[in-house]
């Protein structure tokens, strides 16, 4: 049976250091909760950020990797700077408001976008470090919309799926994003892209046509 490689911004468990010891706790959030049963009941490996910036990990890195391996998890270590500008910046201050039809609240920052690219590249490196030829790579949510194409470029024969856990806006709103073409091309690296509703699918394929110039049927 093929292994399922789940990739999301956060792992289903969070690393906590108390009194010099490494502990794991369940992560909060819909993706970790929703995929928990699949992850536990299938031959799978979960790739994601363990919840602590690399500056705080220090000499505990090897121990953290070993602890997570026992839970079928593989960490992507990120700097505090990239956590701030990727997650709290581009994801929460740009994509989240724009994709919820609040464009007046969206912040368009080159610094945020640069961090978003760096984090997606860091995730790509770790996916490639652990991916086997017959793995099904299942990437999740708006934090990693560049990742399908990045993996496809480096590992062309991969089986890649992507699911977006928030709305996909109409093409008129999506076109407000300065980096709209990079996002579309990133998502098109997947074999299958999933959304919650038919309307979100319609918005996506219309953005593909208007932004990237690809026809669809």
Protein backbone atom coordinates (compact mmCIF):
# COMPACT_ATOMS: atom_id res chain seq x y z
CA UNK A 1 0.00 0.00 0.00
CA UNK A 2 1.30 3.44 -0.91
CA UNK A 3 2.39 5.67 1.95
CA UNK A 4 0.46 8.89 2.53
CA UNK A 5 2.70 11.91 3.01
CA UNK A 6 0.61 14.64 4.68
CA UNK A 7 2.11 18.13 4.49
CA UNK A 8 0.69 21.09 6.42
CA UNK A 9 1.95 24.22 8.12
CA UNK A 10 1.69 22.64 11.59
CA UNK A 11 2.27 19.09 12.70
CA UNK A 12 -0.57 17.36 14.57
CA UNK A 13 1.64 17.53 17.66
CA UNK A 14 3.54 20.46 19.12
CA UNK A 15 6.96 20.29 20.75
CA UNK A 16 7.12 21.78 24.24
CA UNK A 17 10.30 22.05 26.31
CA UNK A 18 9.75 21.95 30.07
CA UNK A 19 12.48 21.78 32.70
CA UNK A 20 15.02 20.69 30.12
CA UNK A 21 12.83 17.88 28.76
CA UNK A 22 11.09 17.54 25.40
CA UNK A 23 7.35 16.84 25.52
CA UNK A 24 4.70 16.58 22.82
CA UNK A 25 1.15 17.92 23.00
CA UNK A 26 -1.73 17.74 20.50
CA UNK A 27 -1.87 20.74 18.18
CA UNK A 28 -4.96 22.91 18.02
CA UNK A 29 -6.54 23.58 14.65
CA UNK A 30 -8.95 22.13 12.15
CA UNK A 31 -6.45 20.44 9.83
CA UNK A 32 -4.75 18.47 12.61
CA UNK A 33 -8.11 17.48 14.08
CA UNK A 34 -9.77 16.66 10.77
CA UNK A 35 -6.96 14.49 9.45
CA UNK A 36 -6.11 12.83 12.75
CA UNK A 37 -8.00 9.60 12.10
CA UNK A 38 -6.54 9.21 8.60
CA UNK A 39 -3.04 9.89 9.86
CA UNK A 40 -3.33 7.41 12.71
CA UNK A 41 -5.00 4.61 10.76
CA UNK A 42 -2.93 4.58 7.58
CA UNK A 43 0.68 4.11 6.61
CA UNK A 44 1.53 7.79 6.75
CA UNK A 45 4.13 10.41 7.58
CA UNK A 46 3.23 14.01 8.50
CA UNK A 47 5.57 16.86 7.52
CA UNK A 48 5.19 20.25 9.20
CA UNK A 49 6.45 22.88 11.60
CA UNK A 50 6.74 21.57 15.19
CA UNK A 51 5.63 24.84 16.82
CA UNK A 52 8.95 26.22 18.08
CA UNK A 53 11.30 28.55 16.24
CA UNK A 54 14.73 27.14 15.51
CA UNK A 55 16.37 29.76 17.78
CA UNK A 56 14.58 28.20 20.77
CA UNK A 57 15.51 24.64 19.86
CA UNK A 58 19.28 24.90 20.04
CA UNK A 59 20.98 21.66 20.99
CA UNK A 60 17.62 19.84 21.31
CA UNK A 61 17.18 19.50 17.55
CA UNK A 62 18.30 15.86 17.32
CA UNK A 63 16.16 14.86 20.29
CA UNK A 64 13.15 16.60 18.76
CA UNK A 65 13.67 14.80 15.44
CA UNK A 66 13.85 11.45 17.23
CA UNK A 67 10.78 12.20 19.35
CA UNK A 68 8.75 13.21 16.30
CA UNK A 69 9.90 10.18 14.31
CA UNK A 70 8.26 7.93 16.91
CA UNK A 71 4.99 9.73 16.12
CA UNK A 72 5.44 9.36 12.32
CA UNK A 73 6.15 13.07 12.02
CA UNK A 74 8.96 14.94 10.27
CA UNK A 75 9.78 18.53 11.25
CA UNK A 76 10.37 21.60 9.13
CA UNK A 77 12.43 23.98 11.29
CA UNK A 78 11.77 27.69 10.75
CA UNK A 79 13.37 30.86 12.10
CA UNK A 80 11.34 33.23 14.26
CA UNK A 81 11.67 35.84 11.50
CA UNK A 82 10.09 33.55 8.93
CA UNK A 83 7.35 32.44 11.34
CA UNK A 84 6.44 36.09 11.90
CA UNK A 85 6.51 37.09 8.24
CA UNK A 86 5.15 33.90 6.68
CA UNK A 87 2.43 32.82 9.12
CA UNK A 88 1.54 36.00 10.95
CA UNK A 89 2.41 38.12 7.92
CA UNK A 90 1.54 36.82 4.46
CA UNK A 91 -0.86 34.08 5.57
CA UNK A 92 -2.80 35.99 8.22
CA UNK A 93 -2.52 39.57 6.97
CA UNK A 94 -2.63 39.04 3.19
CA UNK A 95 -4.25 35.76 2.16
CA UNK A 96 -6.75 35.35 5.00
CA UNK A 97 -8.53 38.72 4.62
CA UNK A 98 -8.38 38.69 0.81
CA UNK A 99 -9.77 35.14 0.52
CA UNK A 100 -12.60 36.09 2.92
CA UNK A 101 -13.64 39.09 0.80
CA UNK A 102 -12.04 41.69 3.06
CA UNK A 103 -9.58 43.25 0.59
CA UNK A 104 -9.40 46.55 2.49
CA UNK A 105 -7.70 44.68 5.35
CA UNK A 106 -5.15 42.86 3.16
CA UNK A 107 -1.52 43.95 3.55
CA UNK A 108 0.69 43.62 0.46
CA UNK A 109 4.26 43.46 1.69
CA UNK A 110 7.29 42.30 -0.28
CA UNK A 111 8.87 41.20 3.01
CA UNK A 112 5.88 38.96 3.74
CA UNK A 113 5.96 37.51 0.22
CA UNK A 114 9.69 36.78 0.38
CA UNK A 115 9.17 34.90 3.66
CA UNK A 116 6.26 32.97 2.13
CA UNK A 117 8.51 31.81 -0.71
CA UNK A 118 11.35 30.87 1.67
CA UNK A 119 9.07 28.79 3.88
CA UNK A 120 7.55 26.98 0.91
CA UNK A 121 11.06 26.21 -0.36
CA UNK A 122 12.05 24.94 3.10
CA UNK A 123 9.01 22.64 3.10
CA UNK A 124 9.94 21.42 -0.37
CA UNK A 125 13.43 20.46 0.77
CA UNK A 126 12.07 18.42 3.69
CA UNK A 127 9.42 16.73 1.56
CA UNK A 128 12.10 15.70 -0.92
CA UNK A 129 14.27 14.43 1.93
CA UNK A 130 11.61 11.94 3.03
CA UNK A 131 9.44 11.26 -0.05
CA UNK A 132 9.56 7.85 -1.69
CA UNK A 133 8.75 7.24 -5.34
CA UNK A 134 5.35 5.65 -4.62
CA UNK A 135 4.21 8.12 -1.93
CA UNK A 136 0.99 10.08 -2.31
CA UNK A 137 1.88 13.65 -1.31
CA UNK A 138 -1.14 15.47 0.15
CA UNK A 139 -0.50 19.19 0.74
CA UNK A 140 -2.86 21.33 2.79
CA UNK A 141 -4.04 24.90 2.93
CA UNK A 142 -3.12 28.45 2.07
CA UNK A 143 0.21 28.41 3.90
CA UNK A 144 1.73 26.17 1.20
CA UNK A 145 0.20 27.18 -2.13
CA UNK A 146 3.59 27.32 -3.88
CA UNK A 147 4.61 23.87 -2.72
CA UNK A 148 2.91 21.62 -5.33
CA UNK A 149 4.85 23.23 -8.18
CA UNK A 150 8.11 23.30 -6.20
CA UNK A 151 7.86 19.55 -5.57
CA UNK A 152 6.78 18.88 -9.16
CA UNK A 153 9.81 20.71 -10.52
CA UNK A 154 12.21 18.62 -8.43
CA UNK A 155 10.31 15.31 -8.49
CA UNK A 156 8.24 15.32 -11.70
CA UNK A 157 6.63 11.88 -11.35
CA UNK A 158 5.19 12.56 -7.88
CA UNK A 159 1.52 12.01 -7.12
CA UNK A 160 0.46 15.32 -5.54
CA UNK A 161 -2.86 16.46 -4.13
CA UNK A 162 -3.74 19.83 -2.59
CA UNK A 163 -6.72 20.86 -0.48
CA UNK A 164 -7.62 24.43 0.38
CA UNK A 165 -9.37 24.73 3.75
CA UNK A 166 -10.61 28.30 3.23
CA UNK A 167 -12.70 29.87 0.42
CA UNK A 168 -11.24 30.62 -2.99
CA UNK A 169 -12.44 34.07 -3.98
CA UNK A 170 -13.86 35.26 -7.28
CA UNK A 171 -11.31 36.04 -9.98
CA UNK A 172 -12.06 39.77 -9.66
CA UNK A 173 -10.94 39.74 -6.02
CA UNK A 174 -8.10 37.28 -6.54
CA UNK A 175 -6.59 39.58 -9.17
CA UNK A 176 -5.96 42.17 -6.46
CA UNK A 177 -3.10 39.97 -5.22
CA UNK A 178 0.20 41.17 -6.71
CA UNK A 179 1.60 37.61 -6.70
CA UNK A 180 -1.55 36.01 -8.17
CA UNK A 181 0.21 34.26 -11.05
CA UNK A 182 2.82 32.65 -8.79
CA UNK A 183 0.03 31.33 -6.55
CA UNK A 184 -1.93 29.91 -9.49
CA UNK A 185 1.16 28.26 -10.97
CA UNK A 186 2.03 26.86 -7.56
CA UNK A 187 -1.37 25.20 -7.18
CA UNK A 188 -1.29 23.84 -10.73
CA UNK A 189 1.69 21.71 -9.76
CA UNK A 190 -0.80 19.33 -8.11
CA UNK A 191 -2.57 16.47 -9.93
CA UNK A 192 -5.74 17.23 -8.00
CA UNK A 193 -6.81 20.44 -6.25
CA UNK A 194 -9.70 20.22 -3.79
CA UNK A 195 -12.11 22.84 -2.44
CA UNK A 196 -15.10 22.86 -0.09
CA UNK A 197 -17.76 23.90 -2.60
CA UNK A 198 -18.51 24.02 -6.32
CA UNK A 199 -18.42 27.83 -6.21
CA UNK A 200 -14.82 27.77 -4.98
CA UNK A 201 -13.91 25.40 -7.82
CA UNK A 202 -15.57 27.75 -10.33
CA UNK A 203 -13.69 30.74 -8.90
CA UNK A 204 -10.41 28.86 -9.10
CA UNK A 205 -10.71 27.68 -12.70
CA UNK A 206 -11.86 31.13 -13.78
CA UNK A 207 -8.76 32.60 -12.11
CA UNK A 208 -6.66 30.00 -13.92
CA UNK A 209 -8.12 31.21 -17.21
CA UNK A 210 -7.89 34.94 -16.50
CA UNK A 211 -4.55 35.03 -14.68
CA UNK A 212 -2.56 32.22 -16.29
CA UNK A 213 -4.34 32.13 -19.66
CA UNK A 214 -5.18 28.40 -19.54
CA UNK A 215 -8.54 27.26 -20.87
CA UNK A 216 -10.50 24.61 -19.00
CA UNK A 217 -13.32 22.20 -19.67
